[in-house]
N, C-alpha and C. Protein backbone atom coordinates (compact mmCIF):
# COMPACT_ATOMS: atom_id res chain seq x y z
N MET A 1 -1.62 -27.12 44.27
CA MET A 1 -2.07 -25.79 44.31
C MET A 1 -1.46 -25.00 43.18
N SER A 2 -2.28 -24.26 42.48
CA SER A 2 -1.76 -23.48 41.32
C SER A 2 -1.39 -22.06 41.80
N SER A 3 -0.32 -21.59 41.29
CA SER A 3 0.15 -20.27 41.63
C SER A 3 -0.48 -19.25 40.68
N SER A 4 -0.93 -18.15 41.20
CA SER A 4 -1.55 -17.13 40.35
C SER A 4 -0.57 -16.02 40.00
N GLN A 5 0.73 -16.26 40.25
CA GLN A 5 1.75 -15.23 39.93
C GLN A 5 1.92 -15.17 38.44
N PRO A 6 1.96 -13.95 37.87
CA PRO A 6 2.17 -13.82 36.46
C PRO A 6 3.60 -14.30 36.08
N SER A 7 3.73 -14.79 34.84
CA SER A 7 5.05 -15.19 34.42
C SER A 7 5.93 -13.94 34.25
N PRO A 8 7.22 -14.10 34.55
CA PRO A 8 8.10 -12.92 34.48
C PRO A 8 8.23 -12.40 33.05
N GLN A 9 8.25 -11.09 32.91
CA GLN A 9 8.39 -10.44 31.61
C GLN A 9 9.86 -10.50 31.19
N PRO A 10 10.12 -10.71 29.90
CA PRO A 10 11.50 -10.65 29.41
C PRO A 10 12.01 -9.21 29.56
N PRO A 11 13.34 -9.03 29.57
CA PRO A 11 13.90 -7.70 29.71
C PRO A 11 13.51 -6.86 28.47
N ALA A 12 13.45 -5.56 28.67
CA ALA A 12 13.08 -4.64 27.58
C ALA A 12 14.00 -4.71 26.39
N VAL A 13 15.26 -5.06 26.62
CA VAL A 13 16.24 -5.14 25.54
C VAL A 13 15.80 -6.24 24.53
N ASN A 14 15.13 -7.29 25.01
CA ASN A 14 14.65 -8.33 24.15
C ASN A 14 13.61 -7.79 23.20
N TYR A 15 12.71 -6.95 23.71
CA TYR A 15 11.70 -6.32 22.85
C TYR A 15 12.35 -5.35 21.85
N VAL A 16 13.27 -4.57 22.30
CA VAL A 16 13.94 -3.60 21.39
C VAL A 16 14.65 -4.37 20.28
N ALA A 17 15.36 -5.43 20.66
CA ALA A 17 16.06 -6.22 19.62
C ALA A 17 15.05 -6.83 18.67
N GLY A 18 13.90 -7.31 19.17
CA GLY A 18 12.89 -7.88 18.30
C GLY A 18 12.28 -6.84 17.37
N PHE A 19 12.01 -5.67 17.89
CA PHE A 19 11.47 -4.56 17.06
C PHE A 19 12.49 -4.22 15.94
N LEU A 20 13.72 -4.11 16.33
CA LEU A 20 14.78 -3.74 15.35
C LEU A 20 14.96 -4.85 14.28
N LEU A 21 14.94 -6.08 14.68
CA LEU A 21 15.08 -7.20 13.74
C LEU A 21 13.93 -7.27 12.78
N VAL A 22 12.71 -7.10 13.22
CA VAL A 22 11.56 -7.10 12.35
C VAL A 22 11.64 -5.90 11.41
N GLY A 23 11.92 -4.73 11.95
CA GLY A 23 12.04 -3.51 11.11
C GLY A 23 13.09 -3.67 10.04
N LEU A 24 14.22 -4.26 10.43
CA LEU A 24 15.32 -4.51 9.44
C LEU A 24 14.87 -5.51 8.37
N ALA A 25 14.25 -6.62 8.83
CA ALA A 25 13.84 -7.65 7.91
C ALA A 25 12.80 -7.18 6.93
N TRP A 26 11.87 -6.35 7.40
CA TRP A 26 10.84 -5.82 6.53
C TRP A 26 11.33 -4.68 5.66
N GLY A 27 12.05 -3.70 6.25
CA GLY A 27 12.41 -2.52 5.56
C GLY A 27 13.60 -2.61 4.68
N LEU A 28 14.66 -3.21 5.16
CA LEU A 28 15.90 -3.24 4.42
C LEU A 28 15.85 -4.17 3.24
N THR A 29 14.98 -5.19 3.30
CA THR A 29 14.90 -6.15 2.19
C THR A 29 14.07 -5.62 1.03
N THR A 30 13.15 -4.68 1.32
CA THR A 30 12.22 -4.24 0.29
C THR A 30 12.91 -3.62 -0.94
N PRO A 31 13.92 -2.77 -0.80
CA PRO A 31 14.64 -2.26 -1.99
C PRO A 31 15.31 -3.38 -2.80
N PHE A 32 15.84 -4.40 -2.09
CA PHE A 32 16.50 -5.50 -2.82
C PHE A 32 15.46 -6.34 -3.62
N ILE A 33 14.30 -6.57 -2.97
CA ILE A 33 13.24 -7.28 -3.68
C ILE A 33 12.77 -6.49 -4.90
N ARG A 34 12.55 -5.21 -4.71
CA ARG A 34 12.11 -4.35 -5.82
C ARG A 34 13.09 -4.34 -6.97
N ARG A 35 14.38 -4.22 -6.64
CA ARG A 35 15.42 -4.17 -7.69
C ARG A 35 15.47 -5.51 -8.42
N ALA A 36 15.38 -6.60 -7.74
CA ALA A 36 15.44 -7.93 -8.36
C ALA A 36 14.22 -8.13 -9.27
N ALA A 37 13.02 -7.68 -8.78
CA ALA A 37 11.84 -7.83 -9.61
C ALA A 37 11.92 -6.93 -10.83
N ARG A 38 12.44 -5.74 -10.65
CA ARG A 38 12.53 -4.76 -11.73
C ARG A 38 13.52 -5.23 -12.81
N ASP A 39 14.60 -5.86 -12.42
CA ASP A 39 15.66 -6.31 -13.32
C ASP A 39 15.38 -7.73 -13.90
N HIS A 40 14.32 -8.34 -13.45
CA HIS A 40 14.01 -9.70 -13.84
C HIS A 40 13.68 -9.82 -15.32
N LYS A 41 14.32 -10.81 -15.93
CA LYS A 41 14.06 -11.13 -17.36
C LYS A 41 13.45 -12.54 -17.38
N PRO A 42 12.11 -12.62 -17.55
CA PRO A 42 11.51 -13.96 -17.50
C PRO A 42 11.98 -14.88 -18.69
N LEU A 43 12.00 -16.16 -18.38
CA LEU A 43 12.36 -17.12 -19.40
C LEU A 43 11.12 -17.38 -20.27
N ALA A 44 11.37 -17.88 -21.49
CA ALA A 44 10.28 -18.28 -22.34
C ALA A 44 9.89 -19.73 -22.05
N TYR A 45 8.64 -19.96 -21.87
CA TYR A 45 8.14 -21.30 -21.58
C TYR A 45 7.30 -21.76 -22.79
N PRO A 46 7.66 -22.89 -23.41
CA PRO A 46 6.89 -23.38 -24.57
C PRO A 46 5.44 -23.67 -24.24
N LEU A 47 5.13 -24.02 -23.05
CA LEU A 47 3.75 -24.29 -22.63
C LEU A 47 2.87 -23.04 -22.86
N LEU A 48 3.41 -21.87 -22.65
CA LEU A 48 2.63 -20.68 -22.79
C LEU A 48 2.35 -20.36 -24.28
N GLU A 49 3.09 -20.98 -25.18
CA GLU A 49 2.88 -20.74 -26.62
C GLU A 49 1.95 -21.75 -27.28
N ARG A 50 1.51 -22.74 -26.50
CA ARG A 50 0.56 -23.74 -27.07
C ARG A 50 -0.77 -23.06 -27.42
N ASP A 51 -1.43 -23.55 -28.48
CA ASP A 51 -2.65 -22.97 -28.91
C ASP A 51 -3.79 -23.08 -27.87
N ASP A 52 -3.84 -24.21 -27.19
CA ASP A 52 -4.91 -24.38 -26.20
C ASP A 52 -4.78 -23.42 -25.02
N VAL A 53 -3.49 -23.08 -24.66
CA VAL A 53 -3.28 -22.14 -23.61
C VAL A 53 -3.58 -20.72 -24.09
N LYS A 54 -3.17 -20.39 -25.29
CA LYS A 54 -3.44 -19.03 -25.84
C LYS A 54 -4.92 -18.80 -26.02
N ALA A 55 -5.70 -19.87 -26.34
CA ALA A 55 -7.11 -19.73 -26.58
C ALA A 55 -7.89 -19.51 -25.29
N SER A 56 -7.35 -19.90 -24.15
CA SER A 56 -8.05 -19.77 -22.88
C SER A 56 -7.43 -18.65 -22.07
N TRP A 57 -8.25 -17.60 -21.81
CA TRP A 57 -7.75 -16.47 -21.04
C TRP A 57 -7.32 -16.90 -19.66
N ILE A 58 -8.11 -17.76 -19.00
CA ILE A 58 -7.78 -18.18 -17.66
C ILE A 58 -6.53 -19.04 -17.58
N LYS A 59 -6.38 -19.97 -18.56
CA LYS A 59 -5.17 -20.81 -18.63
C LYS A 59 -3.90 -19.93 -18.82
N SER A 60 -4.00 -19.00 -19.76
CA SER A 60 -2.81 -18.19 -20.01
C SER A 60 -2.46 -17.35 -18.83
N LYS A 61 -3.45 -16.79 -18.11
CA LYS A 61 -3.13 -16.01 -16.92
C LYS A 61 -2.62 -16.86 -15.75
N LEU A 62 -3.22 -18.04 -15.55
CA LEU A 62 -2.75 -18.89 -14.45
C LEU A 62 -1.36 -19.45 -14.71
N TYR A 63 -1.13 -19.95 -15.92
CA TYR A 63 0.19 -20.47 -16.26
C TYR A 63 1.23 -19.31 -16.25
N GLY A 64 0.88 -18.17 -16.77
CA GLY A 64 1.76 -17.02 -16.75
C GLY A 64 2.18 -16.60 -15.37
N ALA A 65 1.17 -16.54 -14.46
CA ALA A 65 1.43 -16.17 -13.10
C ALA A 65 2.31 -17.21 -12.37
N PHE A 66 1.99 -18.48 -12.62
CA PHE A 66 2.78 -19.59 -12.04
C PHE A 66 4.23 -19.50 -12.45
N PHE A 67 4.49 -19.38 -13.75
CA PHE A 67 5.88 -19.37 -14.26
C PHE A 67 6.60 -18.08 -13.82
N ALA A 68 5.85 -16.96 -13.68
CA ALA A 68 6.48 -15.74 -13.15
C ALA A 68 6.96 -15.94 -11.71
N VAL A 69 6.13 -16.55 -10.87
CA VAL A 69 6.50 -16.81 -9.48
C VAL A 69 7.69 -17.80 -9.42
N VAL A 70 7.63 -18.84 -10.21
CA VAL A 70 8.73 -19.82 -10.22
C VAL A 70 10.01 -19.15 -10.66
N ASP A 71 9.98 -18.33 -11.67
CA ASP A 71 11.19 -17.62 -12.15
C ASP A 71 11.76 -16.73 -11.04
N LEU A 72 10.90 -16.00 -10.37
CA LEU A 72 11.40 -15.10 -9.34
C LEU A 72 11.97 -15.88 -8.15
N LEU A 73 11.32 -16.97 -7.76
CA LEU A 73 11.81 -17.72 -6.64
C LEU A 73 13.10 -18.48 -6.94
N ARG A 74 13.37 -18.72 -8.19
CA ARG A 74 14.61 -19.41 -8.60
C ARG A 74 15.75 -18.40 -8.67
N ASN A 75 15.46 -17.12 -8.56
CA ASN A 75 16.46 -16.06 -8.66
C ASN A 75 16.89 -15.72 -7.24
N PRO A 76 18.14 -16.02 -6.81
CA PRO A 76 18.59 -15.75 -5.48
C PRO A 76 18.54 -14.25 -5.12
N ARG A 77 18.70 -13.38 -6.11
CA ARG A 77 18.64 -11.92 -5.84
C ARG A 77 17.25 -11.56 -5.35
N TYR A 78 16.25 -12.32 -5.66
CA TYR A 78 14.87 -12.09 -5.21
C TYR A 78 14.50 -12.98 -4.01
N ALA A 79 14.88 -14.28 -4.13
CA ALA A 79 14.44 -15.24 -3.13
C ALA A 79 15.07 -15.02 -1.76
N ILE A 80 16.36 -14.67 -1.69
CA ILE A 80 17.00 -14.48 -0.40
C ILE A 80 16.41 -13.29 0.37
N PRO A 81 16.27 -12.11 -0.24
CA PRO A 81 15.59 -11.03 0.52
C PRO A 81 14.17 -11.35 0.85
N LEU A 82 13.47 -12.07 -0.02
CA LEU A 82 12.09 -12.45 0.28
C LEU A 82 12.04 -13.37 1.51
N LEU A 83 12.99 -14.33 1.58
CA LEU A 83 13.01 -15.24 2.71
C LEU A 83 13.31 -14.48 3.99
N ILE A 84 14.21 -13.55 3.97
CA ILE A 84 14.48 -12.71 5.15
C ILE A 84 13.27 -11.90 5.53
N ASN A 85 12.60 -11.29 4.54
CA ASN A 85 11.37 -10.54 4.80
C ASN A 85 10.29 -11.39 5.44
N LEU A 86 10.12 -12.60 4.94
CA LEU A 86 9.10 -13.48 5.51
C LEU A 86 9.49 -13.96 6.92
N THR A 87 10.79 -14.08 7.15
CA THR A 87 11.25 -14.45 8.48
C THR A 87 10.89 -13.32 9.46
N GLY A 88 11.00 -12.11 8.97
CA GLY A 88 10.54 -10.96 9.81
C GLY A 88 9.09 -11.06 10.17
N SER A 89 8.27 -11.59 9.30
CA SER A 89 6.85 -11.76 9.60
C SER A 89 6.66 -12.78 10.68
N VAL A 90 7.47 -13.85 10.69
CA VAL A 90 7.42 -14.82 11.77
C VAL A 90 7.78 -14.19 13.10
N TRP A 91 8.89 -13.41 13.08
CA TRP A 91 9.34 -12.71 14.28
C TRP A 91 8.23 -11.78 14.78
N PHE A 92 7.60 -11.08 13.88
CA PHE A 92 6.50 -10.16 14.25
C PHE A 92 5.37 -10.93 14.91
N PHE A 93 5.03 -12.08 14.35
CA PHE A 93 3.97 -12.93 14.95
C PHE A 93 4.35 -13.27 16.38
N LEU A 94 5.60 -13.66 16.60
CA LEU A 94 6.04 -13.99 17.97
C LEU A 94 6.05 -12.76 18.88
N LEU A 95 6.40 -11.63 18.34
CA LEU A 95 6.44 -10.40 19.11
C LEU A 95 5.03 -9.96 19.57
N ILE A 96 4.05 -10.03 18.68
CA ILE A 96 2.75 -9.56 19.09
C ILE A 96 2.09 -10.46 20.11
N GLY A 97 2.62 -11.65 20.30
CA GLY A 97 2.12 -12.53 21.31
C GLY A 97 2.68 -12.17 22.69
N GLN A 98 3.78 -11.40 22.74
CA GLN A 98 4.43 -11.09 23.99
C GLN A 98 4.37 -9.58 24.33
N ALA A 99 4.54 -8.75 23.34
CA ALA A 99 4.68 -7.31 23.60
C ALA A 99 3.30 -6.63 23.48
N GLU A 100 3.24 -5.45 23.98
CA GLU A 100 2.00 -4.64 23.91
C GLU A 100 1.68 -4.36 22.45
N LEU A 101 0.49 -4.76 21.99
CA LEU A 101 0.12 -4.66 20.61
C LEU A 101 0.09 -3.22 20.13
N SER A 102 -0.42 -2.30 20.95
CA SER A 102 -0.50 -0.91 20.58
C SER A 102 0.84 -0.22 20.46
N LEU A 103 1.86 -0.88 20.95
CA LEU A 103 3.22 -0.39 20.76
C LEU A 103 3.95 -1.14 19.63
N THR A 104 3.76 -2.40 19.57
CA THR A 104 4.47 -3.24 18.65
C THR A 104 4.19 -2.81 17.19
N VAL A 105 2.93 -2.65 16.83
CA VAL A 105 2.59 -2.37 15.44
C VAL A 105 3.18 -1.01 14.99
N PRO A 106 2.94 0.09 15.73
CA PRO A 106 3.52 1.36 15.24
C PRO A 106 5.03 1.37 15.25
N ILE A 107 5.63 0.73 16.26
CA ILE A 107 7.10 0.77 16.32
C ILE A 107 7.68 -0.01 15.15
N VAL A 108 7.20 -1.22 14.90
CA VAL A 108 7.78 -2.05 13.87
C VAL A 108 7.52 -1.44 12.48
N ASN A 109 6.34 -0.91 12.25
CA ASN A 109 6.06 -0.32 10.95
C ASN A 109 6.87 0.94 10.73
N THR A 110 7.10 1.76 11.75
CA THR A 110 7.92 2.93 11.63
C THR A 110 9.38 2.54 11.37
N LEU A 111 9.86 1.56 12.08
CA LEU A 111 11.25 1.10 11.81
C LEU A 111 11.35 0.52 10.42
N ALA A 112 10.35 -0.19 9.93
CA ALA A 112 10.39 -0.70 8.57
C ALA A 112 10.47 0.47 7.57
N PHE A 113 9.67 1.50 7.80
CA PHE A 113 9.76 2.69 6.91
C PHE A 113 11.18 3.32 6.94
N LEU A 114 11.75 3.45 8.15
CA LEU A 114 13.07 4.06 8.25
C LEU A 114 14.12 3.21 7.54
N PHE A 115 14.08 1.89 7.76
CA PHE A 115 15.04 1.02 7.08
C PHE A 115 14.81 0.90 5.58
N THR A 116 13.59 1.11 5.13
CA THR A 116 13.33 1.15 3.68
C THR A 116 13.96 2.37 3.06
N VAL A 117 13.86 3.48 3.73
CA VAL A 117 14.52 4.73 3.20
C VAL A 117 16.03 4.49 3.16
N LEU A 118 16.59 3.98 4.25
CA LEU A 118 18.04 3.73 4.25
C LEU A 118 18.43 2.67 3.22
N GLY A 119 17.61 1.69 3.01
CA GLY A 119 17.84 0.66 1.98
C GLY A 119 17.81 1.23 0.60
N ASP A 120 16.88 2.17 0.32
CA ASP A 120 16.84 2.83 -0.96
C ASP A 120 18.13 3.60 -1.22
N TRP A 121 18.63 4.26 -0.16
CA TRP A 121 19.83 5.03 -0.27
C TRP A 121 21.02 4.08 -0.60
N TRP A 122 21.01 2.91 0.08
CA TRP A 122 22.11 1.98 -0.07
C TRP A 122 22.05 1.28 -1.43
N VAL A 123 20.87 0.75 -1.79
CA VAL A 123 20.74 -0.08 -3.00
C VAL A 123 20.71 0.80 -4.27
N ASP A 124 19.87 1.78 -4.28
CA ASP A 124 19.69 2.63 -5.49
C ASP A 124 20.42 3.93 -5.45
N LYS A 125 21.18 4.17 -4.40
CA LYS A 125 21.95 5.40 -4.26
C LYS A 125 21.01 6.67 -4.32
N LYS A 126 19.80 6.51 -3.82
CA LYS A 126 18.84 7.61 -3.77
C LYS A 126 19.30 8.61 -2.69
N VAL A 127 19.16 9.87 -3.04
CA VAL A 127 19.51 10.92 -2.05
C VAL A 127 18.32 11.05 -1.11
N ILE A 128 18.61 11.08 0.20
CA ILE A 128 17.56 11.26 1.21
C ILE A 128 17.40 12.77 1.43
N SER A 129 16.25 13.27 1.04
CA SER A 129 16.03 14.72 1.09
C SER A 129 15.85 15.23 2.54
N ARG A 130 15.98 16.53 2.71
CA ARG A 130 15.80 17.15 4.03
C ARG A 130 14.42 16.84 4.58
N ASP A 131 13.42 16.89 3.74
CA ASP A 131 12.05 16.61 4.22
C ASP A 131 11.92 15.16 4.71
N THR A 132 12.58 14.26 4.00
CA THR A 132 12.48 12.87 4.46
C THR A 132 13.21 12.68 5.78
N TRP A 133 14.37 13.35 5.93
CA TRP A 133 15.05 13.28 7.25
C TRP A 133 14.14 13.85 8.35
N ILE A 134 13.47 14.93 8.03
CA ILE A 134 12.55 15.50 9.07
C ILE A 134 11.41 14.54 9.36
N GLY A 135 10.88 13.93 8.33
CA GLY A 135 9.81 12.92 8.53
C GLY A 135 10.29 11.73 9.35
N MET A 136 11.52 11.29 9.12
CA MET A 136 12.08 10.19 9.86
C MET A 136 12.26 10.57 11.33
N ALA A 137 12.73 11.80 11.59
CA ALA A 137 12.92 12.21 12.97
C ALA A 137 11.55 12.36 13.66
N LEU A 138 10.58 12.89 12.95
CA LEU A 138 9.23 13.01 13.55
C LEU A 138 8.62 11.63 13.83
N SER A 139 8.88 10.66 12.96
CA SER A 139 8.39 9.28 13.19
C SER A 139 9.03 8.72 14.46
N LEU A 140 10.31 8.93 14.63
CA LEU A 140 10.95 8.46 15.86
C LEU A 140 10.43 9.17 17.09
N CYS A 141 10.11 10.47 16.98
CA CYS A 141 9.50 11.18 18.11
C CYS A 141 8.13 10.60 18.40
N GLY A 142 7.38 10.25 17.37
CA GLY A 142 6.07 9.63 17.59
C GLY A 142 6.17 8.31 18.33
N ILE A 143 7.17 7.46 17.98
CA ILE A 143 7.41 6.24 18.69
C ILE A 143 7.74 6.53 20.14
N GLY A 144 8.57 7.51 20.35
CA GLY A 144 8.92 7.89 21.74
C GLY A 144 7.70 8.33 22.54
N LEU A 145 6.79 9.06 21.92
CA LEU A 145 5.55 9.49 22.60
C LEU A 145 4.69 8.27 22.92
N CYS A 146 4.58 7.32 21.95
CA CYS A 146 3.78 6.12 22.23
C CYS A 146 4.36 5.35 23.37
N VAL A 147 5.63 5.13 23.42
CA VAL A 147 6.28 4.38 24.49
C VAL A 147 6.08 5.14 25.83
N GLN A 148 6.31 6.44 25.79
CA GLN A 148 6.15 7.24 27.04
C GLN A 148 4.73 7.17 27.57
N SER A 149 3.75 7.22 26.68
CA SER A 149 2.35 7.18 27.14
C SER A 149 1.99 5.83 27.76
N LYS A 150 2.62 4.77 27.32
CA LYS A 150 2.34 3.42 27.92
C LYS A 150 3.10 3.20 29.20
N SER A 151 4.22 3.87 29.39
CA SER A 151 5.02 3.62 30.56
C SER A 151 4.71 4.63 31.67
N GLY A 152 3.93 5.67 31.39
CA GLY A 152 3.66 6.70 32.36
C GLY A 152 2.48 6.47 33.17
């Protein structure tokens, strides 16, 4: 005989931790990725200087893109934040399978925005303006309204 009882829901703290981890992984890594890409000095590749590659627009673009990606991935200042960011995408995929979709997406994206602002402050020493603080507070209020509307 099969039981029609629904499986027990994980505690809310699991969802909160998941939302925070994804927001951190997406938001806080973005300034590090941007800085590493901005400071990147690509290596010279002899293959790109060959006449047959220079003569073909498609070959030069494909080889150029390939070597640019390889250079960036070989740079730990870029690759480590990228790996953490992509891990956040895996966590997000797992979250949307369990949590309410209409809450998960806005919560995680808002947290990613908030952590990106804080990451910019930390990495690039950017000053967070009063208007940005107000926007961050309003974003958190919006999350609170979304959660309240689903629980009420």
